PDB file of N, CA and C in Angstrom:
ATOM      1  N   UNK A   1      35.853 105.206  50.998  1.00  0.00           N
ATOM      2  CA  UNK A   1      35.674 103.906  51.661  1.00  0.00           C
ATOM      3  C   UNK A   1      34.304 103.806  52.184  1.00  0.00           C
ATOM      4  N   UNK A   2      33.595 102.632  51.818  1.00  0.00           N
ATOM      5  CA  UNK A   2      32.296 102.428  52.366  1.00  0.00           C
ATOM      6  C   UNK A   2      32.386 101.549  53.420  1.00  0.00           C
ATOM      7  N   UNK A   3      31.871 101.906  54.686  1.00  0.00           N
ATOM      8  CA  UNK A   3      31.943 100.919  55.787  1.00  0.00           C
ATOM      9  C   UNK A   3      30.623 100.498  56.055  1.00  0.00           C
ATOM     10  N   UNK A   4      30.289  99.170  56.262  1.00  0.00           N
ATOM     11  CA  UNK A   4      29.148  98.687  56.709  1.00  0.00           C
ATOM     12  C   UNK A   4      29.121  97.677  57.828  1.00  0.00           C
ATOM     13  N   UNK A   5      28.110  97.632  58.465  1.00  0.00           N
ATOM     14  CA  UNK A   5      28.139  96.503  59.574  1.00  0.00           C
ATOM     15  C   UNK A   5      26.937  95.482  59.185  1.00  0.00           C
ATOM     16  N   UNK A   6      27.421  94.134  59.246  1.00  0.00           N
ATOM     17  CA  UNK A   6      26.811  93.140  58.838  1.00  0.00           C
ATOM     18  C   UNK A   6      26.803  92.002  59.941  1.00  0.00           C
ATOM     19  N   UNK A   7      25.727  91.356  60.090  1.00  0.00           N
ATOM     20  CA  UNK A   7      25.574  90.260  61.112  1.00  0.00           C
ATOM     21  C   UNK A   7      25.811  89.057  60.245  1.00  0.00           C
ATOM     22  N   UNK A   8      26.206  87.887  61.115  1.00  0.00           N
ATOM     23  CA  UNK A   8      26.272  86.548  60.370  1.00  0.00           C
ATOM     24  C   UNK A   8      25.216  86.299  59.571  1.00  0.00           C
ATOM     25  N   UNK A   9      25.510  85.673  58.404  1.00  0.00           N
ATOM     26  CA  UNK A   9      24.509  85.509  57.163  1.00  0.00           C
ATOM     27  C   UNK A   9      24.038  86.598  56.575  1.00  0.00           C
ATOM     28  N   UNK A  10      24.183  87.941  56.777  1.00  0.00           N
ATOM     29  CA  UNK A  10      23.894  89.065  55.919  1.00  0.00           C
ATOM     30  C   UNK A  10      24.844  89.200  54.899  1.00  0.00           C
ATOM     31  N   UNK A  11      24.496  89.960  53.825  1.00  0.00           N
ATOM     32  CA  UNK A  11      25.471  89.870  52.716  1.00  0.00           C
ATOM     33  C   UNK A  11      25.451  91.465  52.191  1.00  0.00           C
ATOM     34  N   UNK A  12      26.334  91.746  51.219  1.00  0.00           N
ATOM     35  CA  UNK A  12      26.491  92.833  50.487  1.00  0.00           C
ATOM     36  C   UNK A  12      26.731  92.484  49.043  1.00  0.00           C
ATOM     37  N   UNK A  13      25.888  93.134  48.235  1.00  0.00           N
ATOM     38  CA  UNK A  13      26.071  93.040  46.755  1.00  0.00           C
ATOM     39  C   UNK A  13      26.835  94.149  46.049  1.00  0.00           C
ATOM     40  N   UNK A  14      27.822  93.903  45.278  1.00  0.00           N
ATOM     41  CA  UNK A  14      28.531  94.962  44.464  1.00  0.00           C
ATOM     42  C   UNK A  14      28.029  94.717  42.899  1.00  0.00           C
ATOM     43  N   UNK A  15      27.480  95.860  42.385  1.00  0.00           N
ATOM     44  CA  UNK A  15      26.988  95.832  41.010  1.00  0.00           C
ATOM     45  C   UNK A  15      25.883  96.724  40.782  1.00  0.00           C
ATOM     46  N   UNK A  16      25.429  97.201  39.676  1.00  0.00           N
ATOM     47  CA  UNK A  16      24.460  98.182  39.336  1.00  0.00           C
ATOM     48  C   UNK A  16      23.235  97.690  39.567  1.00  0.00           C
ATOM     49  N   UNK A  17      22.321  98.596  40.153  1.00  0.00           N
ATOM     50  CA  UNK A  17      20.985  98.209  40.410  1.00  0.00           C
ATOM     51  C   UNK A  17      20.166  98.078  39.150  1.00  0.00           C
ATOM     52  N   UNK A  18      20.731  98.744  37.979  1.00  0.00           N
ATOM     53  CA  UNK A  18      20.071  98.764  36.599  1.00  0.00           C
ATOM     54  C   UNK A  18      20.149  97.407  36.036  1.00  0.00           C
ATOM     55  N   UNK A  19      21.274  96.631  36.430  1.00  0.00           N
ATOM     56  CA  UNK A  19      21.692  95.429  35.786  1.00  0.00           C
ATOM     57  C   UNK A  19      20.941  94.236  36.658  1.00  0.00           C
ATOM     58  N   UNK A  20      20.310  93.239  36.044  1.00  0.00           N
ATOM     59  CA  UNK A  20      19.760  92.032  36.828  1.00  0.00           C
ATOM     60  C   UNK A  20      20.836  91.286  37.444  1.00  0.00           C
ATOM     61  N   UNK A  21      21.951  91.151  36.826  1.00  0.00           N
ATOM     62  CA  UNK A  21      23.082  90.308  37.531  1.00  0.00           C
ATOM     63  C   UNK A  21      23.942  91.169  38.418  1.00  0.00           C
ATOM     64  N   UNK A  22      24.118  90.417  39.396  1.00  0.00           N
ATOM     65  CA  UNK A  22      25.130  91.196  40.487  1.00  0.00           C
ATOM     66  C   UNK A  22      26.613  90.854  40.078  1.00  0.00           C
ATOM     67  N   UNK A  23      27.516  91.751  40.259  1.00  0.00           N
ATOM     68  CA  UNK A  23      28.866  91.419  40.005  1.00  0.00           C
ATOM     69  C   UNK A  23      29.496  90.376  41.019  1.00  0.00           C
ATOM     70  N   UNK A  24      29.173  90.823  42.324  1.00  0.00           N
ATOM     71  CA  UNK A  24      29.809  90.134  43.383  1.00  0.00           C
ATOM     72  C   UNK A  24      28.972  90.108  44.543  1.00  0.00           C
ATOM     73  N   UNK A  25      28.815  89.133  45.168  1.00  0.00           N
ATOM     74  CA  UNK A  25      27.947  88.928  46.601  1.00  0.00           C
ATOM     75  C   UNK A  25      28.927  88.572  47.544  1.00  0.00           C
ATOM     76  N   UNK A  26      29.028  89.134  48.781  1.00  0.00           N
ATOM     77  CA  UNK A  26      29.740  88.716  49.814  1.00  0.00           C
ATOM     78  C   UNK A  26      28.787  88.581  51.114  1.00  0.00           C
ATOM     79  N   UNK A  27      28.902  87.423  51.467  1.00  0.00           N
ATOM     80  CA  UNK A  27      28.287  87.066  52.830  1.00  0.00           C
ATOM     81  C   UNK A  27      29.094  86.701  54.086  1.00  0.00           C
ATOM     82  N   UNK A  28      28.680  87.236  55.065  1.00  0.00           N
ATOM     83  CA  UNK A  28      29.209  86.989  56.261  1.00  0.00           C
ATOM     84  C   UNK A  28      28.788  85.426  56.802  1.00  0.00           C
ATOM     85  N   UNK A  29      29.661  84.549  56.787  1.00  0.00           N
ATOM     86  CA  UNK A  29      29.467  83.233  57.136  1.00  0.00           C
ATOM     87  C   UNK A  29      29.490  82.985  58.589  1.00  0.00           C
ATOM     88  N   UNK A  30      30.449  83.660  59.330  1.00  0.00           N
ATOM     89  CA  UNK A  30      30.645  83.571  60.701  1.00  0.00           C
ATOM     90  C   UNK A  30      31.652  84.443  61.252  1.00  0.00           C
ATOM     91  N   UNK A  31      31.471  84.770  62.636  1.00  0.00           N
ATOM     92  CA  UNK A  31      32.296  85.539  63.363  1.00  0.00           C
ATOM     93  C   UNK A  31      32.888  84.694  64.455  1.00  0.00           C
ATOM     94  N   UNK A  32      34.011  84.622  64.503  1.00  0.00           N
ATOM     95  CA  UNK A  32      34.919  83.843  65.495  1.00  0.00           C
ATOM     96  C   UNK A  32      35.932  84.588  66.185  1.00  0.00           C
ATOM     97  N   UNK A  33      35.687  85.022  67.304  1.00  0.00           N
ATOM     98  CA  UNK A  33      36.708  85.807  68.050  1.00  0.00           C
ATOM     99  C   UNK A  33      36.906  87.144  67.284  1.00  0.00           C
ATOM    100  N   UNK A  34      38.374  87.263  66.910  1.00  0.00           N
ATOM    101  CA  UNK A  34      38.701  88.530  66.095  1.00  0.00           C
ATOM    102  C   UNK A  34      38.603  88.224  64.545  1.00  0.00           C
ATOM    103  N   UNK A  35      38.100  87.050  64.073  1.00  0.00           N
ATOM    104  CA  UNK A  35      38.115  86.781  62.719  1.00  0.00           C
ATOM    105  C   UNK A  35      36.757  86.773  61.994  1.00  0.00           C
ATOM    106  N   UNK A  36      36.576  87.101  60.862  1.00  0.00           N
ATOM    107  CA  UNK A  36      35.259  87.034  60.271  1.00  0.00           C
ATOM    108  C   UNK A  36      35.470  86.100  59.057  1.00  0.00           C
ATOM    109  N   UNK A  37      34.693  85.190  58.857  1.00  0.00           N
ATOM    110  CA  UNK A  37      34.584  84.297  57.788  1.00  0.00           C
ATOM    111  C   UNK A  37      33.541  84.741  56.636  1.00  0.00           C
ATOM    112  N   UNK A  38      34.248  85.119  55.562  1.00  0.00           N
ATOM    113  CA  UNK A  38      33.408  85.642  54.406  1.00  0.00           C
ATOM    114  C   UNK A  38      33.234  84.623  53.166  1.00  0.00           C
ATOM    115  N   UNK A  39      32.134  84.586  52.550  1.00  0.00           N
ATOM    116  CA  UNK A  39      31.757  83.886  51.296  1.00  0.00           C
ATOM    117  C   UNK A  39      31.623  84.734  50.140  1.00  0.00           C
ATOM    118  N   UNK A  40      32.203  84.427  49.121  1.00  0.00           N
ATOM    119  CA  UNK A  40      32.202  85.161  47.816  1.00  0.00           C
ATOM    120  C   UNK A  40      31.620  84.493  46.730  1.00  0.00           C
ATOM    121  N   UNK A  41      30.578  85.153  46.120  1.00  0.00           N
ATOM    122  CA  UNK A  41      29.918  84.609  44.949  1.00  0.00           C
ATOM    123  C   UNK A  41      30.037  85.718  43.731  1.00  0.00           C
ATOM    124  N   UNK A  42      30.661  85.103  42.826  1.00  0.00           N
ATOM    125  CA  UNK A  42      30.785  86.025  41.585  1.00  0.00           C
ATOM    126  C   UNK A  42      30.696  85.188  40.405  1.00  0.00           C
ATOM    127  N   UNK A  43      30.261  85.959  39.224  1.00  0.00           N
ATOM    128  CA  UNK A  43      30.308  85.283  37.994  1.00  0.00           C
ATOM    129  C   UNK A  43      31.636  84.649  37.714  1.00  0.00           C
ATOM    130  N   UNK A  44      31.588  83.447  36.772  1.00  0.00           N
ATOM    131  CA  UNK A  44      32.863  82.820  36.565  1.00  0.00           C
ATOM    132  C   UNK A  44      33.937  83.605  35.854  1.00  0.00           C
ATOM    133  N   UNK A  45      33.560  84.776  35.277  1.00  0.00           N
ATOM    134  CA  UNK A  45      34.462  85.642  34.480  1.00  0.00           C
ATOM    135  C   UNK A  45      35.116  86.709  35.392  1.00  0.00           C
ATOM    136  N   UNK A  46      34.628  86.655  36.792  1.00  0.00           N
ATOM    137  CA  UNK A  46      35.271  87.624  37.569  1.00  0.00           C
ATOM    138  C   UNK A  46      36.189  87.037  38.519  1.00  0.00           C
ATOM    139  N   UNK A  47      37.478  87.500  38.765  1.00  0.00           N
ATOM    140  CA  UNK A  47      38.416  86.833  39.600  1.00  0.00           C
ATOM    141  C   UNK A  47      38.380  87.628  40.971  1.00  0.00           C
ATOM    142  N   UNK A  48      38.451  86.686  42.121  1.00  0.00           N
ATOM    143  CA  UNK A  48      38.350  87.146  43.324  1.00  0.00           C
ATOM    144  C   UNK A  48      39.644  86.876  44.008  1.00  0.00           C
ATOM    145  N   UNK A  49      40.413  87.690  44.565  1.00  0.00           N
ATOM    146  CA  UNK A  49      41.841  87.414  45.244  1.00  0.00           C
ATOM    147  C   UNK A  49      41.797  88.055  46.502  1.00  0.00           C
ATOM    148  N   UNK A  50      42.850  87.434  47.367  1.00  0.00           N
ATOM    149  CA  UNK A  50      43.055  88.183  48.558  1.00  0.00           C
ATOM    150  C   UNK A  50      43.904  89.449  48.261  1.00  0.00           C
ATOM    151  N   UNK A  51      43.903  90.516  48.902  1.00  0.00           N
ATOM    152  CA  UNK A  51      44.612  91.685  48.508  1.00  0.00           C
ATOM    153  C   UNK A  51      46.057  91.445  48.193  1.00  0.00           C
ATOM    154  N   UNK A  52      46.813  90.808  49.172  1.00  0.00           N
ATOM    155  CA  UNK A  52      48.180  90.585  48.793  1.00  0.00           C
ATOM    156  C   UNK A  52      48.362  89.791  47.600  1.00  0.00           C
ATOM    157  N   UNK A  53      47.545  88.927  47.134  1.00  0.00           N
ATOM    158  CA  UNK A  53      47.624  88.119  45.943  1.00  0.00           C
ATOM    159  C   UNK A  53      47.559  89.098  44.738  1.00  0.00           C
ATOM    160  N   UNK A  54      46.522  89.866  44.925  1.00  0.00           N
ATOM    161  CA  UNK A  54      46.170  90.817  43.780  1.00  0.00           C
ATOM    162  C   UNK A  54      47.334  91.992  43.498  1.00  0.00           C
ATOM    163  N   UNK A  55      47.892  92.415  44.588  1.00  0.00           N
ATOM    164  CA  UNK A  55      49.029  93.301  44.528  1.00  0.00           C
ATOM    165  C   UNK A  55      50.197  92.604  43.799  1.00  0.00           C
ATOM    166  N   UNK A  56      50.362  91.326  44.155  1.00  0.00           N
ATOM    167  CA  UNK A  56      51.662  90.388  43.614  1.00  0.00           C
ATOM    168  C   UNK A  56      51.418  90.330  42.072  1.00  0.00           C
ATOM    169  N   UNK A  57      50.132  90.036  41.666  1.00  0.00           N
ATOM    170  CA  UNK A  57      49.788  89.791  40.431  1.00  0.00           C
ATOM    171  C   UNK A  57      50.002  91.167  39.502  1.00  0.00           C
ATOM    172  N   UNK A  58      49.668  92.207  40.139  1.00  0.00           N
ATOM    173  CA  UNK A  58      49.856  93.583  39.461  1.00  0.00           C
ATOM    174  C   UNK A  58      51.192  94.070  39.490  1.00  0.00           C
ATOM    175  N   UNK A  59      51.974  93.658  40.425  1.00  0.00           N
ATOM    176  CA  UNK A  59      53.526  93.997  40.325  1.00  0.00           C
ATOM    177  C   UNK A  59      54.123  93.135  39.305  1.00  0.00           C
ATOM    178  N   UNK A  60      53.895  91.910  39.212  1.00  0.00           N
ATOM    179  CA  UNK A  60      54.362  90.924  38.470  1.00  0.00           C
ATOM    180  C   UNK A  60      54.046  91.389  36.848  1.00  0.00           C
ATOM    181  N   UNK A  61      52.978  92.178  36.647  1.00  0.00           N
ATOM    182  CA  UNK A  61      52.525  92.614  35.459  1.00  0.00           C
ATOM    183  C   UNK A  61      53.054  94.122  35.116  1.00  0.00           C
ATOM    184  N   UNK A  62      53.815  94.691  36.036  1.00  0.00           N
ATOM    185  CA  UNK A  62      54.319  96.088  35.978  1.00  0.00           C
ATOM    186  C   UNK A  62      53.427  97.019  36.260  1.00  0.00           C
ATOM    187  N   UNK A  63      52.288  96.849  37.067  1.00  0.00           N
ATOM    188  CA  UNK A  63      51.418  97.838  37.515  1.00  0.00           C
ATOM    189  C   UNK A  63      51.629  98.066  38.799  1.00  0.00           C
ATOM    190  N   UNK A  64      51.613  99.326  39.191  1.00  0.00           N
ATOM    191  CA  UNK A  64      51.755  99.778  40.593  1.00  0.00           C
ATOM    192  C   UNK A  64      50.290  99.877  41.325  1.00  0.00           C
ATOM    193  N   UNK A  65      50.361  99.493  42.567  1.00  0.00           N
ATOM    194  CA  UNK A  65      48.962  99.625  43.395  1.00  0.00           C
ATOM    195  C   UNK A  65      48.525 101.091  43.308  1.00  0.00           C
ATOM    196  N   UNK A  66      47.284 101.498  43.429  1.00  0.00           N
ATOM    197  CA  UNK A  66      46.873 102.849  43.491  1.00  0.00           C
ATOM    198  C   UNK A  66      47.336 103.583  44.635  1.00  0.00           C
ATOM    199  N   UNK A  67      47.490 104.691  44.647  1.00  0.00           N
ATOM    200  CA  UNK A  67      47.928 105.686  45.750  1.00  0.00           C
ATOM    201  C   UNK A  67      46.836 105.408  46.837  1.00  0.00           C
ATOM    202  N   UNK A  68      47.413 105.370  48.162  1.00  0.00           N
ATOM    203  CA  UNK A  68      46.550 105.135  49.248  1.00  0.00           C
ATOM    204  C   UNK A  68      46.016 103.742  49.592  1.00  0.00           C
ATOM    205  N   UNK A  69      46.492 102.912  48.685  1.00  0.00           N
ATOM    206  CA  UNK A  69      46.137 101.390  48.888  1.00  0.00           C
ATOM    207  C   UNK A  69      46.693 100.866  49.980  1.00  0.00           C
ATOM    208  N   UNK A  70      46.177  99.816  50.655  1.00  0.00           N
ATOM    209  CA  UNK A  70      46.891  99.410  51.832  1.00  0.00           C
ATOM    210  C   UNK A  70      48.043  98.501  51.480  1.00  0.00           C
ATOM    211  N   UNK A  71      49.041  98.513  52.279  1.00  0.00           N
ATOM    212  CA  UNK A  71      50.323  97.819  51.991  1.00  0.00           C
ATOM    213  C   UNK A  71      50.398  96.405  52.579  1.00  0.00           C
ATOM    214  N   UNK A  72      51.010  95.471  52.216  1.00  0.00           N
ATOM    215  CA  UNK A  72      51.153  94.141  52.776  1.00  0.00           C
ATOM    216  C   UNK A  72      52.322  94.007  53.579  1.00  0.00           C
TER     217      UNK A  72
END
């Protein structure tokens, strides 16, 4: 697991440095008490889900979550 510290309005990009297009950009939009508001920018062909939704989709398709994955 990669752990990063970001301030408000700072971002993280997921994708290969060799490719001009990024796969996913996550920006910290705000920090309010114990909650962080994130913004996600991805190509239209990349789906972005909350973890619990992703798990439900996988289980509905008969796929088990990877070992060591957080549970809901």
